[in-house]
Amino acid sequence: MQKKRNIVEYSGIGAVNYIRSSRARNISIRLSDSGQVRVTVPPYVSEKRAERFLMSKYGWIISRQNIMRREAAGAVPAKEGEIVRVRSKQVRIELRNGDTGAEEALWRILLREAKEYLPNRVDLLASEHGFIYSGVRIRKMKSRWGSCTHKKGINLNSWLMMLPDHLSDYVILHELVHTRHPHHGPEFWLALDRVTDGKSKALKKELRRRKITLIYPENQLGSQGN
């Protein structure tokens, strides 16, 4: 698959990343967790037509960006010395040699905790629902919660440890379903609905409100003085 990228700035909505993809059949618009706009364009569609399509969705894009800003309003970046809840544990963010800041220190902590928890959780959910996967890899990802390889390997973001359990389980189940349905077609969503008790759409909507690298109120426990 060949992809060509072109980034254009627009007043009001910011940088728009145009991606020309040989697999695309229609123009599509997506917003990242940070609110950045991505427009995927088929090879036969002109730049002017793609831009006209973008501008026809201008109001919707602004509305979505505003909603995303409001939803993230209660969240804050990591701070050194702050105590946060990582699942059932209370952890103080302390810098060590090599850490460039509080966020990096928290990523380091989450990776350690995630490696202890997530592989076992994947194994439990896979056994419960009859999925077969080839392995689990935990790593730092700034834009994705998880992914599934063509060899049925599961990749998970260590920031899942900052989510409520029902949302981290949703991400795991989402990737496990991809071991059977490596796409987002109707069969995929029907299968995901079956393993989430019919809550896949609600869980997807709730997860979209979460931004990677931000700490939400249920994780905030304050700071301690020396």
Protein backbone atom coordinates (compact mmCIF):
# COMPACT_ATOMS: atom_id res chain seq x y z
CA MET A 1 0.00 0.00 0.00
CA GLN A 2 1.39 3.40 -0.96
CA LYS A 3 0.63 6.50 1.10
CA LYS A 4 1.51 10.13 0.42
CA ARG A 5 1.06 12.78 3.10
CA ASN A 6 0.48 16.51 2.89
CA ILE A 7 -0.16 18.77 5.89
CA VAL A 8 -2.13 22.00 5.42
CA GLU A 9 -3.05 24.59 8.07
CA TYR A 10 -6.62 25.91 8.24
CA SER A 11 -7.97 28.70 10.38
CA GLY A 12 -10.11 27.34 13.22
CA ILE A 13 -9.31 23.63 12.87
CA GLY A 14 -5.51 23.75 12.71
CA ALA A 15 -3.28 21.30 10.84
CA VAL A 16 -4.99 18.86 8.49
CA ASN A 17 -3.06 15.78 7.42
CA TYR A 18 -4.07 14.67 3.92
CA ILE A 19 -3.14 11.04 3.27
CA ARG A 20 -3.43 9.67 -0.26
CA SER A 21 -3.96 5.91 0.03
CA SER A 22 -4.17 3.32 -2.74
CA ARG A 23 -6.58 1.30 -0.57
CA ALA A 24 -9.06 4.12 -0.03
CA ARG A 25 -12.30 3.97 -1.99
CA ASN A 26 -13.92 7.11 -0.57
CA ILE A 27 -12.74 10.30 1.11
CA SER A 28 -12.86 9.95 4.88
CA ILE A 29 -12.17 12.26 7.81
CA ARG A 30 -10.92 11.19 11.24
CA LEU A 31 -9.89 13.08 14.35
CA SER A 32 -7.04 11.84 16.54
CA ASP A 33 -7.26 11.81 20.34
CA SER A 34 -5.59 15.24 20.32
CA GLY A 35 -8.17 16.61 17.85
CA GLN A 36 -5.90 16.71 14.81
CA VAL A 37 -7.73 16.11 11.53
CA ARG A 38 -6.72 13.37 9.07
CA VAL A 39 -8.27 13.17 5.61
CA THR A 40 -7.74 9.92 3.67
CA VAL A 41 -8.01 10.40 -0.10
CA PRO A 42 -8.28 7.78 -2.89
CA PRO A 43 -5.70 8.06 -5.70
CA TYR A 44 -8.22 9.22 -8.30
CA VAL A 45 -9.62 12.13 -6.22
CA SER A 46 -8.15 15.59 -6.87
CA GLU A 47 -6.75 17.81 -4.11
CA LYS A 48 -9.44 20.43 -4.78
CA ARG A 49 -12.22 17.87 -4.40
CA ALA A 50 -10.68 16.57 -1.16
CA GLU A 51 -10.48 20.12 0.18
CA ARG A 52 -14.10 20.82 -0.80
CA PHE A 53 -15.14 17.70 1.10
CA LEU A 54 -13.16 18.87 4.15
CA MET A 55 -14.78 22.31 4.09
CA SER A 56 -18.25 20.74 3.77
CA LYS A 57 -17.55 19.09 7.13
CA TYR A 58 -16.03 22.21 8.72
CA GLY A 59 -18.85 22.75 11.22
CA TRP A 60 -18.83 19.10 12.30
CA ILE A 61 -15.05 19.15 12.79
CA ILE A 62 -15.18 22.30 14.94
CA SER A 63 -18.02 20.78 16.99
CA ARG A 64 -16.07 17.53 17.56
CA GLN A 65 -12.91 19.41 18.53
CA ASN A 66 -14.86 21.51 21.04
CA ILE A 67 -16.46 18.40 22.54
CA MET A 68 -13.05 16.75 22.86
CA ARG A 69 -11.63 19.84 24.60
CA ARG A 70 -14.54 19.91 27.07
CA GLU A 71 -14.24 16.19 27.77
CA ALA A 72 -10.53 16.57 28.53
CA ALA A 73 -11.06 19.71 30.64
CA GLY A 74 -10.96 17.80 33.93
CA ALA A 75 -7.72 16.02 33.04
CA VAL A 76 -4.19 17.28 33.71
CA PRO A 77 -0.64 16.36 32.67
CA ALA A 78 1.57 14.36 35.04
CA LYS A 79 3.47 16.33 37.69
CA GLU A 80 6.57 15.36 39.65
CA GLY A 81 5.76 14.46 43.26
CA GLU A 82 2.09 13.81 42.49
CA ILE A 83 0.50 10.63 43.81
CA VAL A 84 -1.69 8.88 41.24
CA ARG A 85 -3.82 5.77 41.29
CA VAL A 86 -2.59 3.11 38.90
CA ARG A 87 -5.45 0.62 39.04
CA SER A 88 -5.55 -0.38 42.73
CA LYS A 89 -2.14 1.06 43.63
CA GLN A 90 -1.16 4.53 44.79
CA VAL A 91 2.09 5.55 43.13
CA ARG A 92 4.19 8.69 43.56
CA ILE A 93 5.72 10.11 40.37
CA GLU A 94 9.43 10.34 41.12
CA LEU A 95 12.10 11.09 38.56
CA ARG A 96 15.07 8.75 38.16
CA ASN A 97 18.27 9.03 36.16
CA GLY A 98 17.36 9.27 32.49
CA ASP A 99 13.82 10.60 33.03
CA THR A 100 13.29 13.85 31.14
CA GLY A 101 10.20 14.79 33.11
CA ALA A 102 7.18 13.61 35.09
CA GLU A 103 5.41 12.18 32.05
CA GLU A 104 8.36 9.98 31.15
CA ALA A 105 8.66 8.86 34.78
CA LEU A 106 4.99 7.88 34.76
CA TRP A 107 5.40 5.97 31.48
CA ARG A 108 8.23 4.01 33.14
CA ILE A 109 6.03 3.18 36.14
CA LEU A 110 3.10 2.18 33.94
CA LEU A 111 5.25 -0.12 31.82
CA ARG A 112 6.34 -2.00 34.94
CA GLU A 113 2.79 -2.31 36.26
CA ALA A 114 1.35 -3.19 32.85
CA LYS A 115 3.78 -6.05 32.33
CA GLU A 116 2.62 -7.56 35.62
CA TYR A 117 -1.11 -7.19 34.93
CA LEU A 118 -2.01 -7.08 31.24
CA PRO A 119 -0.62 -10.41 29.92
CA ASN A 120 -2.55 -12.32 32.58
CA ARG A 121 -5.68 -10.31 31.87
CA VAL A 122 -5.41 -11.02 28.14
CA ASP A 123 -5.00 -14.72 28.87
CA LEU A 124 -8.06 -14.74 31.13
CA LEU A 125 -10.32 -12.91 28.67
CA ALA A 126 -9.07 -15.00 25.74
CA SER A 127 -9.81 -18.22 27.63
CA GLU A 128 -13.21 -16.97 28.72
CA HIS A 129 -14.30 -16.18 25.16
CA GLY A 130 -12.35 -18.78 23.21
CA PHE A 131 -9.84 -16.56 21.43
CA ILE A 132 -6.42 -17.75 20.25
CA TYR A 133 -3.55 -15.25 20.08
CA SER A 134 0.18 -15.61 19.55
CA GLY A 135 1.54 -13.32 22.25
CA VAL A 136 1.27 -10.00 24.07
CA ARG A 137 3.57 -7.01 23.75
CA ILE A 138 3.32 -4.03 26.10
CA ARG A 139 4.74 -0.70 24.99
CA LYS A 140 4.43 3.06 25.01
CA MET A 141 2.05 4.39 22.36
CA LYS A 142 1.01 8.03 22.08
CA SER A 143 -1.87 7.61 19.64
CA ARG A 144 -3.29 4.07 19.99
CA TRP A 145 -4.62 1.98 22.86
CA GLY A 146 -3.77 -1.30 21.16
CA SER A 147 -3.40 -3.22 17.92
CA CYS A 148 -3.43 -6.77 16.56
CA THR A 149 -0.86 -8.09 14.07
CA HIS A 150 -1.60 -10.34 11.11
CA LYS A 151 0.02 -13.16 13.11
CA LYS A 152 -2.52 -12.62 15.93
CA GLY A 153 -0.08 -10.87 18.23
CA ILE A 154 -1.65 -8.38 20.65
CA ASN A 155 0.04 -4.99 21.24
CA LEU A 156 -1.20 -2.99 24.22
CA ASN A 157 -0.46 0.52 25.41
CA SER A 158 0.94 0.66 28.95
CA TRP A 159 -1.28 3.73 29.54
CA LEU A 160 -4.19 1.27 29.81
CA MET A 161 -3.21 1.09 33.48
CA MET A 162 -4.65 4.59 33.89
CA LEU A 163 -8.07 3.51 32.59
CA PRO A 164 -10.94 2.05 34.63
CA ASP A 165 -10.91 -1.75 34.39
CA HIS A 166 -14.00 -1.94 32.18
CA LEU A 167 -12.32 0.26 29.57
CA SER A 168 -8.99 -1.56 29.59
CA ASP A 169 -10.95 -4.82 29.22
CA TYR A 170 -12.78 -3.29 26.26
CA VAL A 171 -9.47 -2.50 24.54
CA ILE A 172 -8.21 -6.04 25.16
CA LEU A 173 -11.42 -7.58 23.82
CA HIS A 174 -11.33 -5.25 20.82
CA GLU A 175 -7.89 -6.57 19.88
CA LEU A 176 -8.81 -10.19 20.61
CA VAL A 177 -11.80 -9.92 18.26
CA HIS A 178 -9.36 -8.73 15.60
CA THR A 179 -7.69 -12.16 15.77
CA ARG A 180 -10.85 -13.45 14.05
CA HIS A 181 -11.92 -10.34 12.15
CA PRO A 182 -8.91 -8.27 11.03
CA HIS A 183 -11.08 -5.31 9.95
CA HIS A 184 -13.82 -3.03 11.29
CA GLY A 185 -16.63 -4.42 9.20
CA PRO A 186 -20.11 -5.46 10.47
CA GLU A 187 -18.88 -8.93 11.51
CA PHE A 188 -16.26 -7.38 13.73
CA TRP A 189 -18.71 -5.14 15.58
CA LEU A 190 -21.24 -7.95 15.99
CA ALA A 191 -18.53 -10.17 17.52
CA LEU A 192 -17.34 -7.37 19.81
CA ASP A 193 -20.91 -6.72 20.89
CA ARG A 194 -21.30 -10.39 21.86
CA VAL A 195 -18.27 -10.36 24.18
CA THR A 196 -19.15 -6.98 25.76
CA ASP A 197 -22.76 -7.83 26.62
CA GLY A 198 -24.07 -5.51 23.92
CA LYS A 199 -22.11 -2.51 25.20
CA SER A 200 -19.50 -2.11 22.45
CA LYS A 201 -20.85 1.22 21.14
CA ALA A 202 -21.19 2.73 24.61
CA LEU A 203 -17.71 1.57 25.59
CA LYS A 204 -16.23 2.89 22.34
CA LYS A 205 -17.84 6.28 23.00
CA GLU A 206 -16.56 6.35 26.59
CA LEU A 207 -13.02 5.43 25.51
CA ARG A 208 -12.99 8.24 22.95
CA ARG A 209 -13.30 10.72 25.81
CA ARG A 210 -9.98 9.53 27.21
CA LYS A 211 -6.73 11.13 26.09
CA ILE A 212 -3.42 9.30 26.38
CA THR A 213 -0.86 11.11 28.64
CA LEU A 214 -3.58 12.94 30.62
CA ILE A 215 -4.52 12.06 34.20
CA TYR A 216 -8.23 12.05 35.02
CA PRO A 217 -9.88 12.90 38.36
CA GLU A 218 -10.28 9.29 39.51
CA ASN A 219 -6.50 8.90 39.21
CA GLN A 220 -5.62 12.18 40.94
CA LEU A 221 -4.62 11.83 44.59
CA GLY A 222 -2.67 15.05 45.03
CA SER A 223 0.91 15.79 46.07
CA GLN A 224 2.96 15.24 49.18
CA GLY A 225 5.42 17.74 50.58
CA ASN A 226 8.90 16.77 51.71
